[in-house]
Amino acid sequence: MIVKLKKRNPQFRDLTVRQPYLVIGIEADDFRILNDAGRPFLYPRNLFSLIDNREPSDWVNEIGDDGERYSYPLPLNRPGFFEDFFDQKARAVRTFWRVVNRRLTAAGEVA
């Protein structure tokens, strides 16, 4: 899934208008993308328009108690994964970049 920022938003200075962003996952209906600084943060989905709505076949999809959606590739789909990543735990960092680099390569081949 590829999205682009609809319009400049002073609250999200780490995103560029019309820049395509690869969605890494969905958490509580928000998109997790690599921002302009290369950090995998969550952003409200309503900030973006869809460029390519195809979702990876390996995403694990779950629905929360309030109907919110969670979707990640299996290696990233465990409670606390991103906390470990941001705490720079080596295993989480390696796993994240292995998964994301494969996804970025695949997206580049399609483009």
C-alpha atoms as a PDB file:
ATOM      1  CA  MET A   1       0.000   0.000   0.000  1.00  0.00           C
ATOM      2  CA  ILE A   2       1.384   3.381  -0.997  1.00  0.00           C
ATOM      3  CA  VAL A   3      -0.004   6.726   0.145  1.00  0.00           C
ATOM      4  CA  LYS A   4       0.810  10.397  -0.254  1.00  0.00           C
ATOM      5  CA  LEU A   5       0.278  13.343   2.067  1.00  0.00           C
ATOM      6  CA  LYS A   6      -2.736  15.362   0.911  1.00  0.00           C
ATOM      7  CA  LYS A   7      -1.590  18.767   2.151  1.00  0.00           C
ATOM      8  CA  ARG A   8       1.082  20.334   4.329  1.00  0.00           C
ATOM      9  CA  ASN A   9       0.340  19.979   8.011  1.00  0.00           C
ATOM     10  CA  PRO A  10       2.354  21.968  10.588  1.00  0.00           C
ATOM     11  CA  GLN A  11       1.789  19.203  13.122  1.00  0.00           C
ATOM     12  CA  PHE A  12       3.635  16.723  10.869  1.00  0.00           C
ATOM     13  CA  ARG A  13       6.705  18.561   9.578  1.00  0.00           C
ATOM     14  CA  ASP A  14       8.468  15.255   8.971  1.00  0.00           C
ATOM     15  CA  LEU A  15       6.248  14.513   5.943  1.00  0.00           C
ATOM     16  CA  THR A  16       6.359  16.032   2.452  1.00  0.00           C
ATOM     17  CA  VAL A  17       3.324  16.852   0.329  1.00  0.00           C
ATOM     18  CA  ARG A  18       2.866  14.534  -2.682  1.00  0.00           C
ATOM     19  CA  GLN A  19       5.774  12.332  -1.567  1.00  0.00           C
ATOM     20  CA  PRO A  20       4.850   8.637  -1.897  1.00  0.00           C
ATOM     21  CA  TYR A  21       5.155   6.677   1.335  1.00  0.00           C
ATOM     22  CA  LEU A  22       5.058   2.918   1.734  1.00  0.00           C
ATOM     23  CA  VAL A  23       2.695   1.794   4.489  1.00  0.00           C
ATOM     24  CA  ILE A  24       4.584  -0.625   6.728  1.00  0.00           C
ATOM     25  CA  GLY A  25       1.532  -1.502   8.781  1.00  0.00           C
ATOM     26  CA  ILE A  26      -1.712  -0.283  10.269  1.00  0.00           C
ATOM     27  CA  GLU A  27      -2.137   0.238  13.991  1.00  0.00           C
ATOM     28  CA  ALA A  28      -5.466   1.301  15.494  1.00  0.00           C
ATOM     29  CA  ASP A  29      -6.384   2.471  11.952  1.00  0.00           C
ATOM     30  CA  ASP A  30      -3.304   4.756  11.734  1.00  0.00           C
ATOM     31  CA  PHE A  31      -0.649   4.183   9.072  1.00  0.00           C
ATOM     32  CA  ARG A  32       2.894   3.332  10.115  1.00  0.00           C
ATOM     33  CA  ILE A  33       5.229   4.778   7.497  1.00  0.00           C
ATOM     34  CA  LEU A  34       8.864   5.768   7.229  1.00  0.00           C
ATOM     35  CA  ASN A  35       8.841   9.543   7.526  1.00  0.00           C
ATOM     36  CA  ASP A  36      11.322  11.862   5.831  1.00  0.00           C
ATOM     37  CA  ALA A  37      13.846  11.176   8.610  1.00  0.00           C
ATOM     38  CA  GLY A  38      13.553   7.420   8.009  1.00  0.00           C
ATOM     39  CA  ARG A  39      11.697   6.763  11.266  1.00  0.00           C
ATOM     40  CA  PRO A  40       8.682   4.390  11.360  1.00  0.00           C
ATOM     41  CA  PHE A  41       6.057   6.543  13.038  1.00  0.00           C
ATOM     42  CA  LEU A  42       2.273   6.344  13.163  1.00  0.00           C
ATOM     43  CA  TYR A  43       0.179   8.952  11.360  1.00  0.00           C
ATOM     44  CA  PRO A  44      -3.586   9.415  11.064  1.00  0.00           C
ATOM     45  CA  ARG A  45      -4.814   7.790   7.872  1.00  0.00           C
ATOM     46  CA  ASN A  46      -6.963  10.808   6.978  1.00  0.00           C
ATOM     47  CA  LEU A  47      -3.773  12.796   6.222  1.00  0.00           C
ATOM     48  CA  PHE A  48      -3.164  10.645   3.160  1.00  0.00           C
ATOM     49  CA  SER A  49      -4.679   9.705  -0.144  1.00  0.00           C
ATOM     50  CA  LEU A  50      -4.123   6.247  -1.577  1.00  0.00           C
ATOM     51  CA  ILE A  51      -1.829   5.871  -4.563  1.00  0.00           C
ATOM     52  CA  ASP A  52      -1.852   2.066  -4.521  1.00  0.00           C
ATOM     53  CA  ASN A  53      -4.313   0.266  -2.253  1.00  0.00           C
ATOM     54  CA  ARG A  54      -2.820  -3.211  -2.729  1.00  0.00           C
ATOM     55  CA  GLU A  55      -1.903  -4.691   0.618  1.00  0.00           C
ATOM     56  CA  PRO A  56       0.833  -7.282   1.082  1.00  0.00           C
ATOM     57  CA  SER A  57      -0.484 -10.826   1.254  1.00  0.00           C
ATOM     58  CA  ASP A  58       1.654 -11.553   4.327  1.00  0.00           C
ATOM     59  CA  TRP A  59      -0.022  -8.993   6.576  1.00  0.00           C
ATOM     60  CA  VAL A  60      -1.679 -10.424   9.672  1.00  0.00           C
ATOM     61  CA  ASN A  61      -4.999  -8.619  10.094  1.00  0.00           C
ATOM     62  CA  GLU A  62      -6.713  -8.188  13.451  1.00  0.00           C
ATOM     63  CA  ILE A  63      -9.663  -6.142  14.616  1.00  0.00           C
ATOM     64  CA  GLY A  64      -9.555  -4.549  18.076  1.00  0.00           C
ATOM     65  CA  ASP A  65     -12.361  -4.398  20.620  1.00  0.00           C
ATOM     66  CA  ASP A  66     -13.577  -1.059  19.239  1.00  0.00           C
ATOM     67  CA  GLY A  67     -13.429  -2.174  15.591  1.00  0.00           C
ATOM     68  CA  GLU A  68     -10.009  -0.624  14.926  1.00  0.00           C
ATOM     69  CA  ARG A  69      -7.696  -2.403  12.536  1.00  0.00           C
ATOM     70  CA  TYR A  70      -4.199  -3.756  13.128  1.00  0.00           C
ATOM     71  CA  SER A  71      -2.186  -5.147  10.205  1.00  0.00           C
ATOM     72  CA  TYR A  72       1.502  -5.961  10.063  1.00  0.00           C
ATOM     73  CA  PRO A  73       3.787  -8.503   8.445  1.00  0.00           C
ATOM     74  CA  LEU A  74       4.127 -11.462  10.803  1.00  0.00           C
ATOM     75  CA  PRO A  75       7.687 -10.617  11.976  1.00  0.00           C
ATOM     76  CA  LEU A  76       6.524  -7.157  13.126  1.00  0.00           C
ATOM     77  CA  ASN A  77       3.204  -8.340  14.524  1.00  0.00           C
ATOM     78  CA  ARG A  78       3.905  -8.920  18.191  1.00  0.00           C
ATOM     79  CA  PRO A  79       3.037  -6.791  21.198  1.00  0.00           C
ATOM     80  CA  GLY A  80       5.945  -4.557  22.120  1.00  0.00           C
ATOM     81  CA  PHE A  81       7.791  -4.937  18.822  1.00  0.00           C
ATOM     82  CA  PHE A  82       8.033  -1.211  18.099  1.00  0.00           C
ATOM     83  CA  GLU A  83       8.857  -0.401  21.716  1.00  0.00           C
ATOM     84  CA  ASP A  84      11.815  -2.775  21.334  1.00  0.00           C
ATOM     85  CA  PHE A  85      12.712  -1.159  18.011  1.00  0.00           C
ATOM     86  CA  PHE A  86      12.712   2.362  19.473  1.00  0.00           C
ATOM     87  CA  ASP A  87      14.658   1.088  22.484  1.00  0.00           C
ATOM     88  CA  GLN A  88      17.210  -0.049  19.875  1.00  0.00           C
ATOM     89  CA  LYS A  89      17.110  -3.689  20.847  1.00  0.00           C
ATOM     90  CA  ALA A  90      19.314  -5.357  18.242  1.00  0.00           C
ATOM     91  CA  ARG A  91      16.951  -8.185  17.314  1.00  0.00           C
ATOM     92  CA  ALA A  92      13.999  -5.851  16.727  1.00  0.00           C
ATOM     93  CA  VAL A  93      16.127  -3.412  14.719  1.00  0.00           C
ATOM     94  CA  ARG A  94      17.505  -6.209  12.499  1.00  0.00           C
ATOM     95  CA  THR A  95      14.068  -7.723  11.994  1.00  0.00           C
ATOM     96  CA  PHE A  96      12.495  -4.371  11.160  1.00  0.00           C
ATOM     97  CA  TRP A  97      15.057  -3.386   8.532  1.00  0.00           C
ATOM     98  CA  ARG A  98      15.087  -6.858   6.975  1.00  0.00           C
ATOM     99  CA  VAL A  99      11.285  -6.759   6.526  1.00  0.00           C
ATOM    100  CA  VAL A 100      11.141  -3.117   5.406  1.00  0.00           C
ATOM    101  CA  ASN A 101      14.046  -3.395   2.963  1.00  0.00           C
ATOM    102  CA  ARG A 102      12.368  -6.366   1.285  1.00  0.00           C
ATOM    103  CA  ARG A 103       9.107  -4.431   1.059  1.00  0.00           C
ATOM    104  CA  LEU A 104      10.835  -1.338  -0.350  1.00  0.00           C
ATOM    105  CA  THR A 105      12.655  -3.452  -2.933  1.00  0.00           C
ATOM    106  CA  ALA A 106       9.412  -5.112  -3.987  1.00  0.00           C
ATOM    107  CA  ALA A 107       7.647  -1.737  -4.231  1.00  0.00           C
ATOM    108  CA  GLY A 108      10.458  -0.387  -6.410  1.00  0.00           C
ATOM    109  CA  GLU A 109      10.157  -3.339  -8.764  1.00  0.00           C
ATOM    110  CA  VAL A 110       6.431  -2.691  -9.224  1.00  0.00           C
ATOM    111  CA  ALA A 111       6.822   1.060  -9.829  1.00  0.00           C
END
